[in-house]
Amino acid sequence: VRFEGSKRTVIDGPFAETKELIAGFWLWQVKSLEEALEWL
């Protein structure tokens, strides 16, 4: 959904920008970025 002022435009996939593709996610709770890097 693209937001331009009060206008809303729905864009159907697939999306061409596959270099920016998010295939999944984790939500971790760690003490530091360094700890996250070690786990990753």
Full PDB file with SEQRES, HELIX, SHEET, SSBOND, CRYST1, ORIGX, SCALE, CONECT and MASTER records, all heavy atoms in Angstrom:
SEQRES   1 A   40  VAL ARG PHE GLU GLY SER LYS ARG THR VAL ILE ASP GLY          
SEQRES   2 A   40  PRO PHE ALA GLU THR LYS GLU LEU ILE ALA GLY PHE TRP          
SEQRES   3 A   40  LEU TRP GLN VAL LYS SER LEU GLU GLU ALA LEU GLU TRP          
SEQRES   4 A   40  LEU                                                          
HELIX    1 AA1 THR A   18  GLU A   20  5                                   3    
HELIX    2 AA2 LEU A   33  TRP A   39  1                                   7    
SHEET    1 AA1 2 ARG A   2  GLU A   4  0                                        
SHEET    2 AA1 2 LYS A   7  THR A   9 -1                                        
CRYST1    1.000    1.000    1.000  90.00  90.00  90.00 P 1           1          
ORIGX1      1.000000  0.000000  0.000000        0.00000                         
ORIGX2      0.000000  1.000000  0.000000        0.00000                         
ORIGX3      0.000000  0.000000  1.000000        0.00000                         
SCALE1      1.000000  0.000000  0.000000        0.00000                         
SCALE2      0.000000  1.000000  0.000000        0.00000                         
SCALE3      0.000000  0.000000  1.000000        0.00000                         
ATOM      1  N   VAL A   1       0.865  -1.178   0.000  1.00  0.00           N  
ATOM      2  CA  VAL A   1       0.000   0.000   0.000  1.00  0.00           C  
ATOM      3  C   VAL A   1       0.900   1.226   0.000  1.00  0.00           C  
ATOM      4  O   VAL A   1       1.747   1.388   0.881  1.00  0.00           O  
ATOM      5  CB  VAL A   1      -0.950   0.018   1.223  1.00  0.00           C  
ATOM      6  CG1 VAL A   1      -1.803   1.282   1.213  1.00  0.00           C  
ATOM      7  CG2 VAL A   1      -1.832  -1.231   1.226  1.00  0.00           C  
ATOM      8  N   ARG A   2       0.732   2.052  -1.013  1.00  0.00           N  
ATOM      9  CA  ARG A   2       1.492   3.300  -1.125  1.00  0.00           C  
ATOM     10  C   ARG A   2       0.641   4.422  -0.554  1.00  0.00           C  
ATOM     11  O   ARG A   2      -0.532   4.569  -0.903  1.00  0.00           O  
ATOM     12  CB  ARG A   2       1.844   3.592  -2.584  1.00  0.00           C  
ATOM     13  CG  ARG A   2       2.600   4.911  -2.747  1.00  0.00           C  
ATOM     14  CD  ARG A   2       3.065   5.165  -4.165  1.00  0.00           C  
ATOM     15  NE  ARG A   2       4.076   4.169  -4.506  1.00  0.00           N  
ATOM     16  CZ  ARG A   2       4.087   3.471  -5.649  1.00  0.00           C  
ATOM     17  NH1 ARG A   2       3.159   3.669  -6.561  1.00  0.00           N  
ATOM     18  NH2 ARG A   2       5.042   2.608  -5.882  1.00  0.00           N  
ATOM     19  N   PHE A   3       1.238   5.213   0.317  1.00  0.00           N  
ATOM     20  CA  PHE A   3       0.570   6.345   0.960  1.00  0.00           C  
ATOM     21  C   PHE A   3       1.119   7.629   0.363  1.00  0.00           C  
ATOM     22  O   PHE A   3       2.313   7.899   0.456  1.00  0.00           O  
ATOM     23  CB  PHE A   3       0.835   6.333   2.471  1.00  0.00           C  
ATOM     24  CG  PHE A   3       0.267   5.138   3.173  1.00  0.00           C  
ATOM     25  CD1 PHE A   3       0.932   3.926   3.180  1.00  0.00           C  
ATOM     26  CD2 PHE A   3      -0.950   5.231   3.836  1.00  0.00           C  
ATOM     27  CE1 PHE A   3       0.402   2.823   3.843  1.00  0.00           C  
ATOM     28  CE2 PHE A   3      -1.488   4.138   4.496  1.00  0.00           C  
ATOM     29  CZ  PHE A   3      -0.809   2.935   4.495  1.00  0.00           C  
ATOM     30  N   GLU A   4       0.234   8.409  -0.255  1.00  0.00           N  
ATOM     31  CA  GLU A   4       0.605   9.706  -0.818  1.00  0.00           C  
ATOM     32  C   GLU A   4      -0.446  10.707  -0.356  1.00  0.00           C  
ATOM     33  O   GLU A   4      -1.548  10.728  -0.904  1.00  0.00           O  
ATOM     34  CB  GLU A   4       0.656   9.644  -2.338  1.00  0.00           C  
ATOM     35  CG  GLU A   4       1.736   8.695  -2.857  1.00  0.00           C  
ATOM     36  CD  GLU A   4       1.663   8.509  -4.360  1.00  0.00           C  
ATOM     37  OE1 GLU A   4       0.715   7.857  -4.828  1.00  0.00           O  
ATOM     38  OE2 GLU A   4       2.566   9.039  -5.047  1.00  0.00           O  
ATOM     39  N   GLY A   5      -0.108  11.480   0.685  1.00  0.00           N  
ATOM     40  CA  GLY A   5      -1.100  12.377   1.271  1.00  0.00           C  
ATOM     41  C   GLY A   5      -2.259  11.547   1.789  1.00  0.00           C  
ATOM     42  O   GLY A   5      -2.068  10.600   2.535  1.00  0.00           O  
ATOM     43  N   SER A   6      -3.473  11.848   1.362  1.00  0.00           N  
ATOM     44  CA  SER A   6      -4.632  11.070   1.798  1.00  0.00           C  
ATOM     45  C   SER A   6      -4.965   9.945   0.814  1.00  0.00           C  
ATOM     46  O   SER A   6      -5.880   9.168   1.046  1.00  0.00           O  
ATOM     47  CB  SER A   6      -5.843  11.991   1.958  1.00  0.00           C  
ATOM     48  OG  SER A   6      -6.155  12.588   0.709  1.00  0.00           O  
ATOM     49  N   LYS A   7      -4.228   9.822  -0.270  1.00  0.00           N  
ATOM     50  CA  LYS A   7      -4.463   8.791  -1.284  1.00  0.00           C  
ATOM     51  C   LYS A   7      -3.781   7.481  -0.879  1.00  0.00           C  
ATOM     52  O   LYS A   7      -2.661   7.479  -0.386  1.00  0.00           O  
ATOM     53  CB  LYS A   7      -3.924   9.261  -2.636  1.00  0.00           C  
ATOM     54  CG  LYS A   7      -4.158   8.292  -3.771  1.00  0.00           C  
ATOM     55  CD  LYS A   7      -3.603   8.844  -5.068  1.00  0.00           C  
ATOM     56  CE  LYS A   7      -3.751   7.816  -6.173  1.00  0.00           C  
ATOM     57  NZ  LYS A   7      -3.076   8.254  -7.391  1.00  0.00           N  
ATOM     58  N   ARG A   8      -4.484   6.361  -1.100  1.00  0.00           N  
ATOM     59  CA  ARG A   8      -3.965   5.021  -0.822  1.00  0.00           C  
ATOM     60  C   ARG A   8      -4.038   4.212  -2.106  1.00  0.00           C  
ATOM     61  O   ARG A   8      -5.101   4.087  -2.715  1.00  0.00           O  
ATOM     62  CB  ARG A   8      -4.782   4.311   0.262  1.00  0.00           C  
ATOM     63  CG  ARG A   8      -4.964   5.101   1.553  1.00  0.00           C  
ATOM     64  CD  ARG A   8      -3.632   5.358   2.240  1.00  0.00           C  
ATOM     65  NE  ARG A   8      -3.785   5.949   3.560  1.00  0.00           N  
ATOM     66  CZ  ARG A   8      -3.479   7.199   3.853  1.00  0.00           C  
ATOM     67  NH1 ARG A   8      -3.056   8.031   2.919  1.00  0.00           N  
ATOM     68  NH2 ARG A   8      -3.592   7.646   5.094  1.00  0.00           N  
ATOM     69  N   THR A   9      -2.901   3.648  -2.526  1.00  0.00           N  
ATOM     70  CA  THR A   9      -2.849   2.846  -3.733  1.00  0.00           C  
ATOM     71  C   THR A   9      -2.374   1.457  -3.374  1.00  0.00           C  
ATOM     72  O   THR A   9      -1.327   1.295  -2.734  1.00  0.00           O  
ATOM     73  CB  THR A   9      -1.874   3.471  -4.763  1.00  0.00           C  
ATOM     74  OG1 THR A   9      -2.262   4.823  -5.000  1.00  0.00           O  
ATOM     75  CG2 THR A   9      -1.868   2.694  -6.058  1.00  0.00           C  
ATOM     76  N   VAL A  10      -3.130   0.434  -3.789  1.00  0.00           N  
ATOM     77  CA  VAL A  10      -2.760  -0.953  -3.537  1.00  0.00           C  
ATOM     78  C   VAL A  10      -2.014  -1.477  -4.765  1.00  0.00           C  
ATOM     79  O   VAL A  10      -2.490  -1.341  -5.895  1.00  0.00           O  
ATOM     80  CB  VAL A  10      -3.999  -1.823  -3.248  1.00  0.00           C  
ATOM     81  CG1 VAL A  10      -3.604  -3.279  -3.076  1.00  0.00           C  
ATOM     82  CG2 VAL A  10      -4.728  -1.304  -2.012  1.00  0.00           C  
ATOM     83  N   ILE A  11      -0.855  -2.061  -4.520  1.00  0.00           N  
ATOM     84  CA  ILE A  11      -0.007  -2.600  -5.583  1.00  0.00           C  
ATOM     85  C   ILE A  11       0.092  -4.103  -5.366  1.00  0.00           C  
ATOM     86  O   ILE A  11       0.477  -4.561  -4.283  1.00  0.00           O  
ATOM     87  CB  ILE A  11       1.390  -1.952  -5.541  1.00  0.00           C  
ATOM     88  CG1 ILE A  11       1.255  -0.429  -5.621  1.00  0.00           C  
ATOM     89  CG2 ILE A  11       2.278  -2.495  -6.647  1.00  0.00           C  
ATOM     90  CD1 ILE A  11       2.385   0.318  -4.966  1.00  0.00           C  
ATOM     91  N   ASP A  12      -0.257  -4.869  -6.395  1.00  0.00           N  
ATOM     92  CA  ASP A  12      -0.189  -6.325  -6.312  1.00  0.00           C  
ATOM     93  C   ASP A  12       1.228  -6.809  -6.577  1.00  0.00           C  
ATOM     94  O   ASP A  12       1.937  -6.263  -7.419  1.00  0.00           O  
ATOM     95  CB  ASP A  12      -1.121  -6.962  -7.345  1.00  0.00           C  
ATOM     96  CG  ASP A  12      -2.580  -6.654  -7.064  1.00  0.00           C  
ATOM     97  OD1 ASP A  12      -2.942  -6.570  -5.878  1.00  0.00           O  
ATOM     98  OD2 ASP A  12      -3.358  -6.514  -8.023  1.00  0.00           O  
ATOM     99  N   GLY A  13       1.639  -7.884  -5.869  1.00  0.00           N  
ATOM    100  CA  GLY A  13       2.907  -8.533  -6.127  1.00  0.00           C  
ATOM    101  C   GLY A  13       2.806  -9.369  -7.389  1.00  0.00           C  
ATOM    102  O   GLY A  13       1.739  -9.501  -7.957  1.00  0.00           O  
ATOM    103  N   PRO A  14       3.895  -9.912  -7.892  1.00  0.00           N  
ATOM    104  CA  PRO A  14       5.222  -9.903  -7.271  1.00  0.00           C  
ATOM    105  C   PRO A  14       5.920  -8.562  -7.454  1.00  0.00           C  
ATOM    106  O   PRO A  14       5.564  -7.784  -8.321  1.00  0.00           O  
ATOM    107  CB  PRO A  14       5.963 -11.006  -8.021  1.00  0.00           C  
ATOM    108  CG  PRO A  14       5.325 -11.044  -9.364  1.00  0.00           C  
ATOM    109  CD  PRO A  14       3.883 -10.669  -9.141  1.00  0.00           C  
ATOM    110  N   PHE A  15       6.909  -8.348  -6.599  1.00  0.00           N  
ATOM    111  CA  PHE A  15       7.647  -7.097  -6.608  1.00  0.00           C  
ATOM    112  C   PHE A  15       9.030  -7.337  -7.202  1.00  0.00           C  
ATOM    113  O   PHE A  15       9.702  -8.304  -6.869  1.00  0.00           O  
ATOM    114  CB  PHE A  15       7.742  -6.523  -5.199  1.00  0.00           C  
ATOM    115  CG  PHE A  15       6.379  -6.399  -4.568  1.00  0.00           C  
ATOM    116  CD1 PHE A  15       6.045  -7.170  -3.477  1.00  0.00           C  
ATOM    117  CD2 PHE A  15       5.428  -5.548  -5.098  1.00  0.00           C  
ATOM    118  CE1 PHE A  15       4.788  -7.073  -2.902  1.00  0.00           C  
ATOM    119  CE2 PHE A  15       4.161  -5.450  -4.540  1.00  0.00           C  
ATOM    120  CZ  PHE A  15       3.841  -6.215  -3.439  1.00  0.00           C  
ATOM    121  N   ALA A  16       9.438  -6.444  -8.071  1.00  0.00           N  
ATOM    122  CA  ALA A  16      10.664  -6.617  -8.843  1.00  0.00           C  
ATOM    123  C   ALA A  16      11.932  -6.468  -8.017  1.00  0.00           C  
ATOM    124  O   ALA A  16      12.963  -7.033  -8.360  1.00  0.00           O  
ATOM    125  CB  ALA A  16      10.688  -5.626 -10.005  1.00  0.00           C  
ATOM    126  N   GLU A  17      11.886  -5.721  -6.922  1.00  0.00           N  
ATOM    127  CA  GLU A  17      13.101  -5.427  -6.160  1.00  0.00           C  
ATOM    128  C   GLU A  17      13.516  -6.619  -5.301  1.00  0.00           C  
ATOM    129  O   GLU A  17      13.562  -6.539  -4.085  1.00  0.00           O  
ATOM    130  CB  GLU A  17      12.909  -4.194  -5.273  1.00  0.00           C  
ATOM    131  CG  GLU A  17      12.514  -2.953  -6.021  1.00  0.00           C  
ATOM    132  CD  GLU A  17      11.012  -2.835  -6.201  1.00  0.00           C  
ATOM    133  OE1 GLU A  17      10.251  -3.371  -5.384  1.00  0.00           O  
ATOM    134  OE2 GLU A  17      10.594  -2.217  -7.188  1.00  0.00           O  
ATOM    135  N   THR A  18      13.846  -7.750  -5.936  1.00  0.00           N  
ATOM    136  CA  THR A  18      14.146  -8.959  -5.177  1.00  0.00           C  
ATOM    137  C   THR A  18      15.434  -8.847  -4.383  1.00  0.00           C  
ATOM    138  O   THR A  18      15.630  -9.587  -3.434  1.00  0.00           O  
ATOM    139  CB  THR A  18      14.213 -10.185  -6.098  1.00  0.00           C  
ATOM    140  OG1 THR A  18      15.173  -9.932  -7.127  1.00  0.00           O  
ATOM    141  CG2 THR A  18      12.864 -10.487  -6.698  1.00  0.00           C  
ATOM    142  N   LYS A  19      16.328  -7.917  -4.718  1.00  0.00           N  
ATOM    143  CA  LYS A  19      17.538  -7.749  -3.914  1.00  0.00           C  
ATOM    144  C   LYS A  19      17.203  -7.230  -2.516  1.00  0.00           C  
ATOM    145  O   LYS A  19      17.996  -7.335  -1.606  1.00  0.00           O  
ATOM    146  CB  LYS A  19      18.532  -6.821  -4.606  1.00  0.00           C  
ATOM    147  CG  LYS A  19      18.059  -5.397  -4.707  1.00  0.00           C  
ATOM    148  CD  LYS A  19      19.066  -4.517  -5.387  1.00  0.00           C  
ATOM    149  CE  LYS A  19      18.482  -3.118  -5.408  1.00  0.00           C  
ATOM    150  NZ  LYS A  19      19.367  -2.109  -5.771  1.00  0.00           N  
ATOM    151  N   GLU A  20      16.011  -6.677  -2.337  1.00  0.00           N  
ATOM    152  CA  GLU A  20      15.559  -6.155  -1.052  1.00  0.00           C  
ATOM    153  C   GLU A  20      14.543  -7.084  -0.390  1.00  0.00           C  
ATOM    154  O   GLU A  20      13.878  -6.707   0.544  1.00  0.00           O  
ATOM    155  CB  GLU A  20      14.917  -4.772  -1.253  1.00  0.00           C  
ATOM    156  CG  GLU A  20      15.838  -3.740  -1.870  1.00  0.00           C  
ATOM    157  CD  GLU A  20      16.826  -3.165  -0.872  1.00  0.00           C  
ATOM    158  OE1 GLU A  20      16.517  -3.147   0.326  1.00  0.00           O  
ATOM    159  OE2 GLU A  20      17.903  -2.742  -1.300  1.00  0.00           O  
ATOM    160  N   LEU A  21      14.420  -8.296  -0.876  1.00  0.00           N  
ATOM    161  CA  LEU A  21      13.391  -9.219  -0.434  1.00  0.00           C  
ATOM    162  C   LEU A  21      13.606  -9.688   1.001  1.00  0.00           C  
ATOM    163  O   LEU A  21      14.711 -10.046   1.391  1.00  0.00           O  
ATOM    164  CB  LEU A  21      13.373 -10.440  -1.363  1.00  0.00           C  
ATOM    165  CG  LEU A  21      12.351 -11.507  -1.063  1.00  0.00           C  
ATOM    166  CD1 LEU A  21      10.949 -10.970  -1.285  1.00  0.00           C  
ATOM    167  CD2 LEU A  21      12.592 -12.711  -1.932  1.00  0.00           C  
ATOM    168  N   ILE A  22      12.532  -9.694   1.785  1.00  0.00           N  
ATOM    169  CA  ILE A  22      12.552 -10.254   3.133  1.00  0.00           C  
ATOM    170  C   ILE A  22      11.823 -11.587   3.065  1.00  0.00           C  
ATOM    171  O   ILE A  22      10.638 -11.636   2.734  1.00  0.00           O  
ATOM    172  CB  ILE A  22      11.865  -9.309   4.139  1.00  0.00           C  
ATOM    173  CG1 ILE A  22      12.620  -7.988   4.204  1.00  0.00           C  
ATOM    174  CG2 ILE A  22      11.787  -9.972   5.506  1.00  0.00           C  
ATOM    175  CD1 ILE A  22      11.919  -6.937   5.021  1.00  0.00           C  
ATOM    176  N   ALA A  23      12.525 -12.676   3.357  1.00  0.00           N  
ATOM    177  CA  ALA A  23      11.929 -14.009   3.251  1.00  0.00           C  
ATOM    178  C   ALA A  23      11.405 -14.514   4.590  1.00  0.00           C  
ATOM    179  O   ALA A  23      10.673 -15.490   4.632  1.00  0.00           O  
ATOM    180  CB  ALA A  23      12.967 -14.981   2.694  1.00  0.00           C  
ATOM    181  N   GLY A  24      11.789 -13.875   5.661  1.00  0.00           N  
ATOM    182  CA  GLY A  24      11.341 -14.280   6.985  1.00  0.00           C  
ATOM    183  C   GLY A  24      11.970 -13.375   8.019  1.00  0.00           C  
ATOM    184  O   GLY A  24      12.689 -12.432   7.681  1.00  0.00           O  
ATOM    185  N   PHE A  25      11.680 -13.669   9.276  1.00  0.00           N  
ATOM    186  CA  PHE A  25      12.252 -12.836  10.323  1.00  0.00           C  
ATOM    187  C   PHE A  25      12.350 -13.619  11.626  1.00  0.00           C  
ATOM    188  O   PHE A  25      11.670 -14.618  11.822  1.00  0.00           O  
ATOM    189  CB  PHE A  25      11.400 -11.574  10.563  1.00  0.00           C  
ATOM    190  CG  PHE A  25      10.075 -11.876  11.213  1.00  0.00           C  
ATOM    191  CD1 PHE A  25       9.944 -11.846  12.600  1.00  0.00           C  
ATOM    192  CD2 PHE A  25       8.970 -12.214  10.466  1.00  0.00           C  
ATOM    193  CE1 PHE A  25       8.728 -12.143  13.217  1.00  0.00           C  
ATOM    194  CE2 PHE A  25       7.753 -12.500  11.060  1.00  0.00           C  
ATOM    195  CZ  PHE A  25       7.634 -12.471  12.437  1.00  0.00           C  
ATOM    196  N   TRP A  26      13.228 -13.155  12.474  1.00  0.00           N  
ATOM    197  CA  TRP A  26      13.312 -13.577  13.867  1.00  0.00           C  
ATOM    198  C   TRP A  26      13.150 -12.329  14.717  1.00  0.00           C  
ATOM    199  O   TRP A  26      13.557 -11.236  14.308  1.00  0.00           O  
ATOM    200  CB  TRP A  26      14.683 -14.124  14.216  1.00  0.00           C  
ATOM    201  CG  TRP A  26      15.001 -15.509  13.829  1.00  0.00           C  
ATOM    202  CD1 TRP A  26      14.388 -16.656  14.232  1.00  0.00           C  
ATOM    203  CD2 TRP A  26      16.092 -15.922  13.003  1.00  0.00           C  
ATOM    204  NE1 TRP A  26      15.015 -17.743  13.700  1.00  0.00           N  
ATOM    205  CE2 TRP A  26      16.073 -17.320  12.943  1.00  0.00           C  
ATOM    206  CE3 TRP A  26      17.080 -15.239  12.311  1.00  0.00           C  
ATOM    207  CZ2 TRP A  26      16.999 -18.061  12.226  1.00  0.00           C  
ATOM    208  CZ3 TRP A  26      18.001 -15.960  11.598  1.00  0.00           C  
ATOM    209  CH2 TRP A  26      17.953 -17.360  11.559  1.00  0.00           C  
ATOM    210  N   LEU A  27      12.636 -12.510  15.897  1.00  0.00           N  
ATOM    211  CA  LEU A  27      12.655 -11.463  16.905  1.00  0.00           C  
ATOM    212  C   LEU A  27      13.406 -12.057  18.083  1.00  0.00           C  
ATOM    213  O   LEU A  27      12.967 -13.045  18.676  1.00  0.00           O  
ATOM    214  CB  LEU A  27      11.233 -11.059  17.305  1.00  0.00           C  
ATOM    215  CG  LEU A  27      11.118  -9.903  18.284  1.00  0.00           C  
ATOM    216  CD1 LEU A  27      11.793  -8.644  17.747  1.00  0.00           C  
ATOM    217  CD2 LEU A  27       9.655  -9.622  18.582  1.00  0.00           C  
ATOM    218  N   TRP A  28      14.570 -11.498  18.352  1.00  0.00           N  
ATOM    219  CA  TRP A  28      15.445 -12.000  19.417  1.00  0.00           C  
ATOM    220  C   TRP A  28      15.556 -10.951  20.507  1.00  0.00           C  
ATOM    221  O   TRP A  28      15.534  -9.752  20.245  1.00  0.00           O  
ATOM    222  CB  TRP A  28      16.860 -12.246  18.892  1.00  0.00           C  
ATOM    223  CG  TRP A  28      17.008 -13.347  17.900  1.00  0.00           C  
ATOM    224  CD1 TRP A  28      16.081 -14.259  17.495  1.00  0.00           C  
ATOM    225  CD2 TRP A  28      18.201 -13.647  17.168  1.00  0.00           C  
ATOM    226  NE1 TRP A  28      16.620 -15.101  16.565  1.00  0.00           N  
ATOM    227  CE2 TRP A  28      17.923 -14.748  16.350  1.00  0.00           C  
ATOM    228  CE3 TRP A  28      19.464 -13.086  17.133  1.00  0.00           C  
ATOM    229  CZ2 TRP A  28      18.873 -15.315  15.498  1.00  0.00           C  
ATOM    230  CZ3 TRP A  28      20.406 -13.648  16.289  1.00  0.00           C  
ATOM    231  CH2 TRP A  28      20.113 -14.757  15.488  1.00  0.00           C  
ATOM    232  N   GLN A  29      15.772 -11.423  21.721  1.00  0.00           N  
ATOM    233  CA  GLN A  29      16.097 -10.525  22.820  1.00  0.00           C  
ATOM    234  C   GLN A  29      17.485 -10.908  23.307  1.00  0.00           C  
ATOM    235  O   GLN A  29      17.675 -11.968  23.897  1.00  0.00           O  
ATOM    236  CB  GLN A  29      15.082 -10.657  23.953  1.00  0.00           C  
ATOM    237  CG  GLN A  29      15.300  -9.634  25.038  1.00  0.00           C  
ATOM    238  CD  GLN A  29      14.130  -9.593  26.005  1.00  0.00           C  
ATOM    239  OE1 GLN A  29      13.285 -10.473  26.025  1.00  0.00           O  
ATOM    240  NE2 GLN A  29      14.086  -8.551  26.794  1.00  0.00           N  
ATOM    241  N   VAL A  30      18.438 -10.027  23.021  1.00  0.00           N  
ATOM    242  CA  VAL A  30      19.835 -10.255  23.391  1.00  0.00           C  
ATOM    243  C   VAL A  30      20.356  -9.029  24.129  1.00  0.00           C  
ATOM    244  O   VAL A  30      19.727  -7.974  24.128  1.00  0.00           O  
ATOM    245  CB  VAL A  30      20.711 -10.541  22.146  1.00  0.00           C  
ATOM    246  CG1 VAL A  30      20.340 -11.880  21.517  1.00  0.00           C  
ATOM    247  CG2 VAL A  30      20.604  -9.440  21.109  1.00  0.00           C  
ATOM    248  N   LYS A  31      21.520  -9.178  24.736  1.00  0.00           N  
ATOM    249  CA  LYS A  31      22.100  -8.083  25.516  1.00  0.00           C  
ATOM    250  C   LYS A  31      22.777  -7.022  24.656  1.00  0.00           C  
ATOM    251  O   LYS A  31      22.929  -5.886  25.072  1.00  0.00           O  
ATOM    252  CB  LYS A  31      23.094  -8.649  26.521  1.00  0.00           C  
ATOM    253  CG  LYS A  31      22.446  -9.535  27.571  1.00  0.00           C  
ATOM    254  CD  LYS A  31      23.479 -10.086  28.539  1.00  0.00           C  
ATOM    255  CE  LYS A  31      22.807 -11.003  29.530  1.00  0.00           C  
ATOM    256  NZ  LYS A  31      23.082 -12.392  29.320  1.00  0.00           N  
ATOM    257  N   SER A  32      23.199  -7.416  23.436  1.00  0.00           N  
ATOM    258  CA  SER A  32      23.940  -6.475  22.606  1.00  0.00           C  
ATOM    259  C   SER A  32      23.896  -6.910  21.141  1.00  0.00           C  
ATOM    260  O   SER A  32      23.570  -8.056  20.827  1.00  0.00           O  
ATOM    261  CB  SER A  32      25.410  -6.426  23.054  1.00  0.00           C  
ATOM    262  OG  SER A  32      26.029  -7.685  22.814  1.00  0.00           O  
ATOM    263  N   LEU A  33      24.257  -5.978  20.278  1.00  0.00           N  
ATOM    264  CA  LEU A  33      24.366  -6.286  18.860  1.00  0.00           C  
ATOM    265  C   LEU A  33      25.434  -7.352  18.637  1.00  0.00           C  
ATOM    266  O   LEU A  33      25.283  -8.232  17.789  1.00  0.00           O  
ATOM    267  CB  LEU A  33      24.693  -5.010  18.077  1.00  0.00           C  
ATOM    268  CG  LEU A  33      24.837  -5.151  16.570  1.00  0.00           C  
ATOM    269  CD1 LEU A  33      23.566  -5.698  15.938  1.00  0.00           C  
ATOM    270  CD2 LEU A  33      25.191  -3.812  15.954  1.00  0.00           C  
ATOM    271  N   GLU A  34      26.492  -7.288  19.411  1.00  0.00           N  
ATOM    272  CA  GLU A  34      27.567  -8.274  19.284  1.00  0.00           C  
ATOM    273  C   GLU A  34      27.063  -9.683  19.593  1.00  0.00           C  
ATOM    274  O   GLU A  34      27.433 -10.639  18.919  1.00  0.00           O  
ATOM    275  CB  GLU A  34      28.738  -7.909  20.200  1.00  0.00           C  
ATOM    276  CG  GLU A  34      29.495  -6.656  19.781  1.00  0.00           C  
ATOM    277  CD  GLU A  34      28.731  -5.355  20.033  1.00  0.00           C  
ATOM    278  OE1 GLU A  34      27.863  -5.305  20.931  1.00  0.00           O  
ATOM    279  OE2 GLU A  34      28.998  -4.388  19.293  1.00  0.00           O  
ATOM    280  N   GLU A  35      26.210  -9.808  20.619  1.00  0.00           N  
ATOM    281  CA  GLU A  35      25.650 -11.119  20.936  1.00  0.00           C  
ATOM    282  C   GLU A  35      24.769 -11.615  19.786  1.00  0.00           C  
ATOM    283  O   GLU A  35      24.820 -12.790  19.407  1.00  0.00           O  
ATOM    284  CB  GLU A  35      24.845 -11.073  22.230  1.00  0.00           C  
ATOM    285  CG  GLU A  35      24.293 -12.444  22.616  1.00  0.00           C  
ATOM    286  CD  GLU A  35      23.441 -12.426  23.869  1.00  0.00           C  
ATOM    287  OE1 GLU A  35      23.186 -11.346  24.447  1.00  0.00           O  
ATOM    288  OE2 GLU A  35      23.019 -13.524  24.270  1.00  0.00           O  
ATOM    289  N   ALA A  36      23.986 -10.719  19.206  1.00  0.00           N  
ATOM    290  CA  ALA A  36      23.156 -11.095  18.058  1.00  0.00           C  
ATOM    291  C   ALA A  36      24.015 -11.575  16.897  1.00  0.00           C  
ATOM    292  O   ALA A  36      23.701 -12.580  16.246  1.00  0.00           O  
ATOM    293  CB  ALA A  36      22.286  -9.917  17.629  1.00  0.00           C  
ATOM    294  N   LEU A  37      25.118 -10.877  16.648  1.00  0.00           N  
ATOM    295  CA  LEU A  37      26.018 -11.279  15.570  1.00  0.00           C  
ATOM    296  C   LEU A  37      26.612 -12.668  15.829  1.00  0.00           C  
ATOM    297  O   LEU A  37      26.703 -13.497  14.910  1.00  0.00           O  
ATOM    298  CB  LEU A  37      27.145 -10.261  15.400  1.00  0.00           C  
ATOM    299  CG  LEU A  37      26.738  -8.944  14.759  1.00  0.00           C  
ATOM    300  CD1 LEU A  37      27.842  -7.908  14.920  1.00  0.00           C  
ATOM    301  CD2 LEU A  37      26.387  -9.154  13.305  1.00  0.00           C  
ATOM    302  N   GLU A  38      26.998 -12.928  17.056  1.00  0.00           N  
ATOM    303  CA  GLU A  38      27.555 -14.244  17.387  1.00  0.00           C  
ATOM    304  C   GLU A  38      26.524 -15.350  17.156  1.00  0.00           C  
ATOM    305  O   GLU A  38      26.853 -16.411  16.620  1.00  0.00           O  
ATOM    306  CB  GLU A  38      28.092 -14.268  18.812  1.00  0.00           C  
ATOM    307  CG  GLU A  38      29.367 -13.463  18.991  1.00  0.00           C  
ATOM    308  CD  GLU A  38      30.461 -13.861  18.001  1.00  0.00           C  
ATOM    309  OE1 GLU A  38      30.730 -15.070  17.847  1.00  0.00           O  
ATOM    310  OE2 GLU A  38      31.045 -12.953  17.367  1.00  0.00           O  
ATOM    311  N   TRP A  39      25.285 -15.116  17.556  1.00  0.00           N  
ATOM    312  CA  TRP A  39      24.234 -16.112  17.310  1.00  0.00           C  
ATOM    313  C   TRP A  39      23.978 -16.272  15.817  1.00  0.00           C  
ATOM    314  O   TRP A  39      23.822 -17.386  15.319  1.00  0.00           O  
ATOM    315  CB  TRP A  39      22.951 -15.733  18.037  1.00  0.00           C  
ATOM    316  CG  TRP A  39      22.951 -16.200  19.451  1.00  0.00           C  
ATOM    317  CD1 TRP A  39      23.181 -15.452  20.571  1.00  0.00           C  
ATOM    318  CD2 TRP A  39      22.736 -17.530  19.906  1.00  0.00           C  
ATOM    319  NE1 TRP A  39      23.117 -16.240  21.686  1.00  0.00           N  
ATOM    320  CE2 TRP A  39      22.836 -17.526  21.309  1.00  0.00           C  
ATOM    321  CE3 TRP A  39      22.457 -18.739  19.269  1.00  0.00           C  
ATOM    322  CZ2 TRP A  39      22.681 -18.661  22.080  1.00  0.00           C  
ATOM    323  CZ3 TRP A  39      22.298 -19.883  20.037  1.00  0.00           C  
ATOM    324  CH2 TRP A  39      22.417 -19.841  21.423  1.00  0.00           C  
ATOM    325  N   LEU A  40      23.913 -15.175  15.095  1.00  0.00           N  
ATOM    326  CA  LEU A  40      23.609 -15.250  13.671  1.00  0.00           C  
ATOM    327  C   LEU A  40      24.692 -15.987  12.894  1.00  0.00           C  
ATOM    328  O   LEU A  40      24.397 -16.716  11.951  1.00  0.00           O  
ATOM    329  CB  LEU A  40      23.397 -13.849  13.096  1.00  0.00           C  
ATOM    330  CG  LEU A  40      22.930 -13.811  11.650  1.00  0.00           C  
ATOM    331  CD1 LEU A  40      21.650 -14.626  11.444  1.00  0.00           C  
ATOM    332  CD2 LEU A  40      22.726 -12.384  11.201  1.00  0.00           C  
TER     333      LEU A  40                                                      
MASTER        0    0    0    2    2    0    0    6  332    1    0    4          
END                                                                             
